[in-house]
Amino acid sequence: NRNHSLEGHWEVAYKGSSEVFLPPDPIFGTAMSEKENVLCAQLQ
């Protein structure tokens, strides 16, 4: 959802990964494009 705020959910990038925890709500990067529906995770 791209209404007033970005809404979405984390997924594991590769289905082969099992028994993993998912991150909490992210901080959104500054280089986002309005056309992108998938963003990638960075751990700081």
All heavy atoms as atom14 arrays in JSON, in Angstrom:
{
  "sequence": "NRNHSLEGHWEVAYKGSSEVFLPPDPIFGTAMSEKENVLCAQLQ",
  "atom14_mask": [
    [1, 1, 1, 1, 1, 1, 1, 1, 0, 0, 0, 0, 0, 0],
    [1, 1, 1, 1, 1, 1, 1, 1, 1, 1, 1, 0, 0, 0],
    [1, 1, 1, 1, 1, 1, 1, 1, 0, 0, 0, 0, 0, 0],
    [1, 1, 1, 1, 1, 1, 1, 1, 1, 1, 0, 0, 0, 0],
    [1, 1, 1, 1, 1, 1, 0, 0, 0, 0, 0, 0, 0, 0],
    [1, 1, 1, 1, 1, 1, 1, 1, 0, 0, 0, 0, 0, 0],
    [1, 1, 1, 1, 1, 1, 1, 1, 1, 0, 0, 0, 0, 0],
    [1, 1, 1, 1, 0, 0, 0, 0, 0, 0, 0, 0, 0, 0],
    [1, 1, 1, 1, 1, 1, 1, 1, 1, 1, 0, 0, 0, 0],
    [1, 1, 1, 1, 1, 1, 1, 1, 1, 1, 1, 1, 1, 1],
    [1, 1, 1, 1, 1, 1, 1, 1, 1, 0, 0, 0, 0, 0],
    [1, 1, 1, 1, 1, 1, 1, 0, 0, 0, 0, 0, 0, 0],
    [1, 1, 1, 1, 1, 0, 0, 0, 0, 0, 0, 0, 0, 0],
    [1, 1, 1, 1, 1, 1, 1, 1, 1, 1, 1, 1, 0, 0],
    [1, 1, 1, 1, 1, 1, 1, 1, 1, 0, 0, 0, 0, 0],
    [1, 1, 1, 1, 0, 0, 0, 0, 0, 0, 0, 0, 0, 0],
    [1, 1, 1, 1, 1, 1, 0, 0, 0, 0, 0, 0, 0, 0],
    [1, 1, 1, 1, 1, 1, 0, 0, 0, 0, 0, 0, 0, 0],
    [1, 1, 1, 1, 1, 1, 1, 1, 1, 0, 0, 0, 0, 0],
    [1, 1, 1, 1, 1, 1, 1, 0, 0, 0, 0, 0, 0, 0],
    [1, 1, 1, 1, 1, 1, 1, 1, 1, 1, 1, 0, 0, 0],
    [1, 1, 1, 1, 1, 1, 1, 1, 0, 0, 0, 0, 0, 0],
    [1, 1, 1, 1, 1, 1, 1, 0, 0, 0, 0, 0, 0, 0],
    [1, 1, 1, 1, 1, 1, 1, 0, 0, 0, 0, 0, 0, 0],
    [1, 1, 1, 1, 1, 1, 1, 1, 0, 0, 0, 0, 0, 0],
    [1, 1, 1, 1, 1, 1, 1, 0, 0, 0, 0, 0, 0, 0],
    [1, 1, 1, 1, 1, 1, 1, 1, 0, 0, 0, 0, 0, 0],
    [1, 1, 1, 1, 1, 1, 1, 1, 1, 1, 1, 0, 0, 0],
    [1, 1, 1, 1, 0, 0, 0, 0, 0, 0, 0, 0, 0, 0],
    [1, 1, 1, 1, 1, 1, 1, 0, 0, 0, 0, 0, 0, 0],
    [1, 1, 1, 1, 1, 0, 0, 0, 0, 0, 0, 0, 0, 0],
    [1, 1, 1, 1, 1, 1, 1, 1, 0, 0, 0, 0, 0, 0],
    [1, 1, 1, 1, 1, 1, 0, 0, 0, 0, 0, 0, 0, 0],
    [1, 1, 1, 1, 1, 1, 1, 1, 1, 0, 0, 0, 0, 0],
    [1, 1, 1, 1, 1, 1, 1, 1, 1, 0, 0, 0, 0, 0],
    [1, 1, 1, 1, 1, 1, 1, 1, 1, 0, 0, 0, 0, 0],
    [1, 1, 1, 1, 1, 1, 1, 1, 0, 0, 0, 0, 0, 0],
    [1, 1, 1, 1, 1, 1, 1, 0, 0, 0, 0, 0, 0, 0],
    [1, 1, 1, 1, 1, 1, 1, 1, 0, 0, 0, 0, 0, 0],
    [1, 1, 1, 1, 1, 1, 0, 0, 0, 0, 0, 0, 0, 0],
    [1, 1, 1, 1, 1, 0, 0, 0, 0, 0, 0, 0, 0, 0],
    [1, 1, 1, 1, 1, 1, 1, 1, 1, 0, 0, 0, 0, 0],
    [1, 1, 1, 1, 1, 1, 1, 1, 0, 0, 0, 0, 0, 0],
    [1, 1, 1, 1, 1, 1, 1, 1, 1, 0, 0, 0, 0, 0]
  ],
  "atom14_positions": [
    [[0.85, -1.2, 0.0], [0.0, 0.0, 0.0], [0.88, 1.24, 0.0], [1.82, 1.34, 0.79], [-0.92, 0.0, 1.23], [-2.01, 1.06, 1.11], [-1.95, 1.94, 0.26], [-3.02, 0.95, 1.97], [0.0, 0.0, 0.0], [0.0, 0.0, 0.0], [0.0, 0.0, 0.0], [0.0, 0.0, 0.0], [0.0, 0.0, 0.0], [0.0, 0.0, 0.0]],
    [[0.58, 2.19, -0.9], [1.38, 3.41, -1.0], [0.54, 4.65, -0.7], [0.82, 5.71, -1.22], [1.97, 3.54, -2.41], [3.21, 2.69, -2.66], [3.76, 2.98, -4.03], [5.01, 2.3, -4.27], [6.2, 2.78, -3.98], [6.31, 3.97, -3.43], [7.29, 2.09, -4.25], [0.0, 0.0, 0.0], [0.0, 0.0, 0.0], [0.0, 0.0, 0.0]],
    [[-0.46, 4.55, 0.13], [-1.31, 5.71, 0.41], [-0.55, 6.76, 1.21], [0.46, 7.3, 0.77], [-2.58, 5.27, 1.13], [-3.53, 4.55, 0.16], [-3.42, 4.7, -1.04], [-4.43, 3.76, 0.71], [0.0, 0.0, 0.0], [0.0, 0.0, 0.0], [0.0, 0.0, 0.0], [0.0, 0.0, 0.0], [0.0, 0.0, 0.0], [0.0, 0.0, 0.0]],
    [[-1.02, 7.08, 2.38], [-0.37, 8.13, 3.18], [0.98, 7.67, 3.72], [1.88, 8.47, 3.93], [-1.29, 8.55, 4.34], [-2.59, 9.12, 3.86], [-2.69, 10.33, 3.18], [-3.86, 8.64, 3.94], [-3.95, 10.57, 2.86], [-4.69, 9.56, 3.32], [0.0, 0.0, 0.0], [0.0, 0.0, 0.0], [0.0, 0.0, 0.0], [0.0, 0.0, 0.0]],
    [[1.11, 6.39, 3.97], [2.38, 5.85, 4.42], [2.59, 4.49, 3.74], [1.63, 3.82, 3.38], [2.4, 5.67, 5.95], [1.39, 4.78, 6.34], [0.0, 0.0, 0.0], [0.0, 0.0, 0.0], [0.0, 0.0, 0.0], [0.0, 0.0, 0.0], [0.0, 0.0, 0.0], [0.0, 0.0, 0.0], [0.0, 0.0, 0.0], [0.0, 0.0, 0.0]],
    [[3.84, 4.15, 3.59], [4.15, 2.87, 2.95], [3.78, 1.72, 3.87], [4.15, 1.69, 5.05], [5.64, 2.79, 2.61], [6.11, 3.63, 1.42], [7.61, 3.47, 1.23], [5.38, 3.23, 0.15], [0.0, 0.0, 0.0], [0.0, 0.0, 0.0], [0.0, 0.0, 0.0], [0.0, 0.0, 0.0], [0.0, 0.0, 0.0], [0.0, 0.0, 0.0]],
    [[3.04, 0.77, 3.33], [2.69, -0.42, 4.09], [3.2, -1.64, 3.33], [3.22, -1.66, 2.09], [1.18, -0.53, 4.29], [0.59, 0.62, 5.1], [-0.92, 0.51, 5.21], [-1.47, -0.52, 4.77], [-1.54, 1.44, 5.75], [0.0, 0.0, 0.0], [0.0, 0.0, 0.0], [0.0, 0.0, 0.0], [0.0, 0.0, 0.0], [0.0, 0.0, 0.0]],
    [[3.6, -2.65, 4.07], [4.09, -3.87, 3.44], [4.52, -4.87, 4.48], [4.18, -4.76, 5.66], [0.0, 0.0, 0.0], [0.0, 0.0, 0.0], [0.0, 0.0, 0.0], [0.0, 0.0, 0.0], [0.0, 0.0, 0.0], [0.0, 0.0, 0.0], [0.0, 0.0, 0.0], [0.0, 0.0, 0.0], [0.0, 0.0, 0.0], [0.0, 0.0, 0.0]],
    [[5.3, -5.85, 4.05], [5.77, -6.88, 4.97], [7.1, -7.44, 4.48], [7.42, -7.39, 3.3], [4.73, -8.01, 5.09], [4.45, -8.69, 3.79], [3.46, -8.26, 2.92], [5.04, -9.78, 3.18], [3.44, -9.05, 1.85], [4.39, -9.96, 1.97], [0.0, 0.0, 0.0], [0.0, 0.0, 0.0], [0.0, 0.0, 0.0], [0.0, 0.0, 0.0]],
    [[7.86, -7.95, 5.43], [9.14, -8.58, 5.13], [8.93, -10.0, 4.64], [8.03, -10.71, 5.1], [10.04, -8.63, 6.36], [10.64, -7.33, 6.78], [10.35, -6.61, 7.9], [11.67, -6.6, 6.1], [11.12, -5.48, 7.97], [11.95, -5.46, 6.87], [12.38, -6.81, 4.92], [12.9, -4.52, 6.5], [13.33, -5.88, 4.55], [13.58, -4.75, 5.32]],
    [[9.77, -10.42, 3.72], [9.83, -11.81, 3.29], [11.29, -12.24, 3.22], [12.18, -11.42, 3.02], [9.2, -12.0, 1.89], [7.69, -11.8, 1.86], [7.12, -12.08, 0.47], [7.93, -12.34, -0.46], [5.89, -12.03, 0.32], [0.0, 0.0, 0.0], [0.0, 0.0, 0.0], [0.0, 0.0, 0.0], [0.0, 0.0, 0.0], [0.0, 0.0, 0.0]],
    [[11.49, -13.54, 3.4], [12.83, -14.09, 3.16], [13.06, -14.12, 1.66], [12.19, -14.53, 0.89], [12.96, -15.5, 3.76], [14.32, -16.1, 3.46], [12.72, -15.46, 5.26], [0.0, 0.0, 0.0], [0.0, 0.0, 0.0], [0.0, 0.0, 0.0], [0.0, 0.0, 0.0], [0.0, 0.0, 0.0], [0.0, 0.0, 0.0], [0.0, 0.0, 0.0]],
    [[14.22, -13.66, 1.24], [14.47, -13.53, -0.21], [14.51, -14.87, -0.91], [14.18, -14.95, -2.1], [15.78, -12.76, -0.43], [0.0, 0.0, 0.0], [0.0, 0.0, 0.0], [0.0, 0.0, 0.0], [0.0, 0.0, 0.0], [0.0, 0.0, 0.0], [0.0, 0.0, 0.0], [0.0, 0.0, 0.0], [0.0, 0.0, 0.0], [0.0, 0.0, 0.0]],
    [[14.89, -15.95, -0.18], [15.04, -17.24, -0.84], [14.23, -18.28, -0.09], [14.35, -18.42, 1.12], [16.53, -17.64, -0.9], [17.31, -16.58, -1.62], [18.0, -15.61, -0.91], [17.28, -16.5, -3.01], [18.67, -14.6, -1.57], [17.95, -15.5, -3.67], [18.64, -14.55, -2.95], [19.28, -13.54, -3.6], [0.0, 0.0, 0.0], [0.0, 0.0, 0.0]],
    [[13.37, -18.97, -0.8], [12.46, -19.91, -0.18], [13.2, -21.05, 0.51], [12.65, -21.73, 1.36], [11.49, -20.48, -1.22], [10.69, -19.41, -1.95], [9.9, -18.53, -0.99], [9.12, -17.46, -1.74], [8.44, -16.52, -0.82], [0.0, 0.0, 0.0], [0.0, 0.0, 0.0], [0.0, 0.0, 0.0], [0.0, 0.0, 0.0], [0.0, 0.0, 0.0]],
    [[14.46, -21.26, 0.12], [15.21, -22.33, 0.76], [15.54, -22.04, 2.21], [15.87, -22.94, 2.98], [0.0, 0.0, 0.0], [0.0, 0.0, 0.0], [0.0, 0.0, 0.0], [0.0, 0.0, 0.0], [0.0, 0.0, 0.0], [0.0, 0.0, 0.0], [0.0, 0.0, 0.0], [0.0, 0.0, 0.0], [0.0, 0.0, 0.0], [0.0, 0.0, 0.0]],
    [[15.47, -20.78, 2.62], [15.76, -20.43, 4.01], [14.56, -20.78, 4.88], [13.43, -20.43, 4.56], [16.06, -18.93, 4.13], [17.16, -18.59, 3.31], [0.0, 0.0, 0.0], [0.0, 0.0, 0.0], [0.0, 0.0, 0.0], [0.0, 0.0, 0.0], [0.0, 0.0, 0.0], [0.0, 0.0, 0.0], [0.0, 0.0, 0.0], [0.0, 0.0, 0.0]],
    [[14.8, -21.5, 5.95], [13.72, -21.9, 6.84], [14.07, -21.52, 8.28], [15.23, -21.25, 8.6], [13.48, -23.41, 6.75], [14.65, -24.11, 7.11], [0.0, 0.0, 0.0], [0.0, 0.0, 0.0], [0.0, 0.0, 0.0], [0.0, 0.0, 0.0], [0.0, 0.0, 0.0], [0.0, 0.0, 0.0], [0.0, 0.0, 0.0], [0.0, 0.0, 0.0]],
    [[13.06, -21.46, 9.11], [13.24, -21.17, 10.52], [14.02, -19.86, 10.75], [14.97, -19.82, 11.52], [13.95, -22.32, 11.23], [13.19, -23.63, 11.17], [13.9, -24.75, 11.9], [14.93, -24.46, 12.54], [13.43, -25.88, 11.85], [0.0, 0.0, 0.0], [0.0, 0.0, 0.0], [0.0, 0.0, 0.0], [0.0, 0.0, 0.0], [0.0, 0.0, 0.0]],
    [[13.61, -18.82, 10.07], [14.26, -17.52, 10.25], [13.26, -16.55, 10.86], [12.06, -16.69, 10.68], [14.8, -16.95, 8.92], [15.79, -17.91, 8.3], [13.66, -16.67, 7.96], [0.0, 0.0, 0.0], [0.0, 0.0, 0.0], [0.0, 0.0, 0.0], [0.0, 0.0, 0.0], [0.0, 0.0, 0.0], [0.0, 0.0, 0.0], [0.0, 0.0, 0.0]],
    [[13.79, -15.58, 11.61], [12.89, -14.53, 12.09], [12.89, -13.39, 11.09], [13.85, -13.19, 10.34], [13.28, -14.06, 13.5], [14.53, -13.22, 13.57], [14.54, -11.89, 13.15], [15.71, -13.74, 14.08], [15.67, -11.11, 13.23], [16.85, -12.97, 14.16], [16.83, -11.65, 13.74], [0.0, 0.0, 0.0], [0.0, 0.0, 0.0], [0.0, 0.0, 0.0]],
    [[11.81, -12.63, 11.06], [11.68, -11.5, 10.15], [11.95, -10.21, 10.91], [11.64, -10.09, 12.1], [10.28, -11.48, 9.54], [9.92, -12.68, 8.67], [8.49, -12.58, 8.18], [10.87, -12.81, 7.49], [0.0, 0.0, 0.0], [0.0, 0.0, 0.0], [0.0, 0.0, 0.0], [0.0, 0.0, 0.0], [0.0, 0.0, 0.0], [0.0, 0.0, 0.0]],
    [[12.54, -9.22, 10.24], [12.88, -7.96, 10.91], [11.63, -7.19, 11.34], [10.53, -7.43, 10.83], [13.66, -7.19, 9.83], [14.1, -8.23, 8.85], [13.03, -9.28, 8.86], [0.0, 0.0, 0.0], [0.0, 0.0, 0.0], [0.0, 0.0, 0.0], [0.0, 0.0, 0.0], [0.0, 0.0, 0.0], [0.0, 0.0, 0.0], [0.0, 0.0, 0.0]],
    [[11.79, -6.24, 12.25], [10.69, -5.34, 12.61], [10.46, -4.31, 11.5], [11.11, -4.36, 10.45], [11.19, -4.67, 13.89], [12.68, -4.71, 13.76], [13.01, -5.98, 13.03], [0.0, 0.0, 0.0], [0.0, 0.0, 0.0], [0.0, 0.0, 0.0], [0.0, 0.0, 0.0], [0.0, 0.0, 0.0], [0.0, 0.0, 0.0], [0.0, 0.0, 0.0]],
    [[9.54, -3.39, 11.71], [9.27, -2.36, 10.71], [10.55, -1.61, 10.36], [11.33, -1.25, 11.25], [8.23, -1.38, 11.23], [6.85, -2.02, 11.34], [6.63, -3.03, 10.65], [6.02, -1.51, 12.11], [0.0, 0.0, 0.0], [0.0, 0.0, 0.0], [0.0, 0.0, 0.0], [0.0, 0.0, 0.0], [0.0, 0.0, 0.0], [0.0, 0.0, 0.0]],
    [[10.78, -1.36, 9.08], [12.06, -0.78, 8.66], [12.05, 0.74, 8.66], [11.01, 1.39, 8.74], [12.19, -1.3, 7.24], [10.77, -1.33, 6.73], [9.93, -1.73, 7.92], [0.0, 0.0, 0.0], [0.0, 0.0, 0.0], [0.0, 0.0, 0.0], [0.0, 0.0, 0.0], [0.0, 0.0, 0.0], [0.0, 0.0, 0.0], [0.0, 0.0, 0.0]],
    [[13.25, 1.29, 8.56], [13.43, 2.68, 8.18], [13.56, 2.69, 6.66], [14.32, 1.89, 6.09], [14.71, 3.26, 8.82], [14.61, 3.17, 10.35], [14.95, 4.7, 8.36], [15.93, 3.5, 11.05], [0.0, 0.0, 0.0], [0.0, 0.0, 0.0], [0.0, 0.0, 0.0], [0.0, 0.0, 0.0], [0.0, 0.0, 0.0], [0.0, 0.0, 0.0]],
    [[12.82, 3.56, 6.0], [12.85, 3.55, 4.54], [14.0, 4.41, 4.03], [14.25, 5.51, 4.52], [11.51, 4.04, 3.98], [10.39, 3.07, 4.24], [9.49, 3.31, 5.26], [10.27, 1.91, 3.5], [8.46, 2.41, 5.53], [9.26, 1.01, 3.75], [8.35, 1.25, 4.78], [0.0, 0.0, 0.0], [0.0, 0.0, 0.0], [0.0, 0.0, 0.0]],
    [[14.7, 3.88, 3.04], [15.86, 4.57, 2.49], [15.49, 5.81, 1.73], [14.33, 6.07, 1.39], [0.0, 0.0, 0.0], [0.0, 0.0, 0.0], [0.0, 0.0, 0.0], [0.0, 0.0, 0.0], [0.0, 0.0, 0.0], [0.0, 0.0, 0.0], [0.0, 0.0, 0.0], [0.0, 0.0, 0.0], [0.0, 0.0, 0.0], [0.0, 0.0, 0.0]],
    [[16.51, 6.6, 1.44], [16.28, 7.88, 0.77], [16.27, 7.76, -0.74], [15.9, 8.69, -1.44], [17.39, 8.87, 1.18], [18.66, 8.3, 0.85], [17.33, 9.14, 2.68], [0.0, 0.0, 0.0], [0.0, 0.0, 0.0], [0.0, 0.0, 0.0], [0.0, 0.0, 0.0], [0.0, 0.0, 0.0], [0.0, 0.0, 0.0], [0.0, 0.0, 0.0]],
    [[16.68, 6.62, -1.27], [16.82, 6.48, -2.72], [15.68, 5.65, -3.31], [15.85, 4.96, -4.29], [18.16, 5.83, -3.06], [0.0, 0.0, 0.0], [0.0, 0.0, 0.0], [0.0, 0.0, 0.0], [0.0, 0.0, 0.0], [0.0, 0.0, 0.0], [0.0, 0.0, 0.0], [0.0, 0.0, 0.0], [0.0, 0.0, 0.0], [0.0, 0.0, 0.0]],
    [[14.5, 5.75, -2.71], [13.38, 4.94, -3.17], [12.77, 5.51, -4.44], [12.77, 6.71, -4.68], [12.3, 4.86, -2.09], [12.67, 3.97, -0.93], [11.46, 4.02, 0.38], [9.97, 4.33, -0.52], [0.0, 0.0, 0.0], [0.0, 0.0, 0.0], [0.0, 0.0, 0.0], [0.0, 0.0, 0.0], [0.0, 0.0, 0.0], [0.0, 0.0, 0.0]],
    [[12.24, 4.61, -5.25], [11.53, 4.99, -6.47], [10.06, 4.67, -6.29], [9.7, 3.66, -5.67], [12.1, 4.24, -7.68], [11.23, 4.36, -8.78], [0.0, 0.0, 0.0], [0.0, 0.0, 0.0], [0.0, 0.0, 0.0], [0.0, 0.0, 0.0], [0.0, 0.0, 0.0], [0.0, 0.0, 0.0], [0.0, 0.0, 0.0], [0.0, 0.0, 0.0]],
    [[9.19, 5.51, -6.81], [7.76, 5.26, -6.68], [7.32, 4.04, -7.48], [6.23, 3.5, -7.26], [6.98, 6.49, -7.14], [7.18, 7.7, -6.24], [6.31, 8.88, -6.66], [5.55, 8.71, -7.65], [6.38, 9.93, -6.02], [0.0, 0.0, 0.0], [0.0, 0.0, 0.0], [0.0, 0.0, 0.0], [0.0, 0.0, 0.0], [0.0, 0.0, 0.0]],
    [[8.14, 3.6, -8.41], [7.78, 2.44, -9.22], [8.15, 1.11, -8.56], [7.68, 0.06, -8.98], [8.47, 2.55, -10.59], [8.05, 3.77, -11.4], [8.78, 3.81, -12.73], [8.39, 5.05, -13.54], [9.11, 5.1, -14.83], [0.0, 0.0, 0.0], [0.0, 0.0, 0.0], [0.0, 0.0, 0.0], [0.0, 0.0, 0.0], [0.0, 0.0, 0.0]],
    [[9.0, 1.18, -7.58], [9.48, -0.06, -6.97], [8.44, -0.6, -5.99], [7.96, 0.12, -5.12], [10.8, 0.18, -6.23], [11.95, 0.58, -7.12], [12.41, -0.55, -8.04], [12.11, -1.71, -7.72], [13.05, -0.26, -9.05], [0.0, 0.0, 0.0], [0.0, 0.0, 0.0], [0.0, 0.0, 0.0], [0.0, 0.0, 0.0], [0.0, 0.0, 0.0]],
    [[8.1, -1.87, -6.14], [7.2, -2.54, -5.2], [7.93, -3.47, -4.24], [7.33, -4.01, -3.33], [6.13, -3.34, -5.96], [5.16, -2.42, -6.69], [4.79, -1.37, -6.18], [4.79, -2.81, -7.9], [0.0, 0.0, 0.0], [0.0, 0.0, 0.0], [0.0, 0.0, 0.0], [0.0, 0.0, 0.0], [0.0, 0.0, 0.0], [0.0, 0.0, 0.0]],
    [[9.22, -3.67, -4.49], [10.03, -4.51, -3.62], [11.29, -3.73, -3.24], [11.98, -3.19, -4.11], [10.42, -5.83, -4.3], [11.38, -6.63, -3.42], [9.19, -6.66, -4.62], [0.0, 0.0, 0.0], [0.0, 0.0, 0.0], [0.0, 0.0, 0.0], [0.0, 0.0, 0.0], [0.0, 0.0, 0.0], [0.0, 0.0, 0.0], [0.0, 0.0, 0.0]],
    [[11.55, -3.64, -1.94], [12.77, -3.02, -1.43], [13.62, -4.1, -0.77], [13.12, -5.16, -0.42], [12.44, -1.92, -0.42], [11.54, -0.79, -0.95], [11.16, 0.16, 0.18], [12.24, -0.02, -2.06], [0.0, 0.0, 0.0], [0.0, 0.0, 0.0], [0.0, 0.0, 0.0], [0.0, 0.0, 0.0], [0.0, 0.0, 0.0], [0.0, 0.0, 0.0]],
    [[14.91, -3.84, -0.63], [15.83, -4.85, -0.11], [16.38, -4.42, 1.25], [16.51, -3.24, 1.54], [16.97, -5.08, -1.1], [16.4, -5.83, -2.65], [0.0, 0.0, 0.0], [0.0, 0.0, 0.0], [0.0, 0.0, 0.0], [0.0, 0.0, 0.0], [0.0, 0.0, 0.0], [0.0, 0.0, 0.0], [0.0, 0.0, 0.0], [0.0, 0.0, 0.0]],
    [[16.71, -5.41, 2.05], [17.05, -5.17, 3.46], [18.52, -4.84, 3.63], [19.4, -5.5, 3.08], [16.7, -6.4, 4.29], [0.0, 0.0, 0.0], [0.0, 0.0, 0.0], [0.0, 0.0, 0.0], [0.0, 0.0, 0.0], [0.0, 0.0, 0.0], [0.0, 0.0, 0.0], [0.0, 0.0, 0.0], [0.0, 0.0, 0.0], [0.0, 0.0, 0.0]],
    [[18.76, -3.8, 4.42], [20.1, -3.47, 4.89], [20.09, -3.49, 6.41], [19.21, -2.9, 7.04], [20.54, -2.09, 4.41], [20.95, -2.03, 2.96], [21.49, -0.68, 2.56], [21.29, 0.31, 3.27], [22.18, -0.61, 1.45], [0.0, 0.0, 0.0], [0.0, 0.0, 0.0], [0.0, 0.0, 0.0], [0.0, 0.0, 0.0], [0.0, 0.0, 0.0]],
    [[21.05, -4.2, 6.98], [21.25, -4.21, 8.42], [22.3, -3.17, 8.77], [23.39, -3.18, 8.2], [21.69, -5.6, 8.88], [22.05, -5.73, 10.37], [20.84, -5.49, 11.25], [22.66, -7.11, 10.63], [0.0, 0.0, 0.0], [0.0, 0.0, 0.0], [0.0, 0.0, 0.0], [0.0, 0.0, 0.0], [0.0, 0.0, 0.0], [0.0, 0.0, 0.0]],
    [[21.97, -2.28, 9.68], [22.92, -1.26, 10.12], [23.46, -1.63, 11.49], [22.72, -1.89, 12.42], [22.26, 0.11, 10.21], [23.18, 1.17, 10.81], [22.46, 2.48, 11.05], [22.04, 3.14, 10.11], [22.3, 2.85, 12.31], [0.0, 0.0, 0.0], [0.0, 0.0, 0.0], [0.0, 0.0, 0.0], [0.0, 0.0, 0.0], [0.0, 0.0, 0.0]]
  ]
}
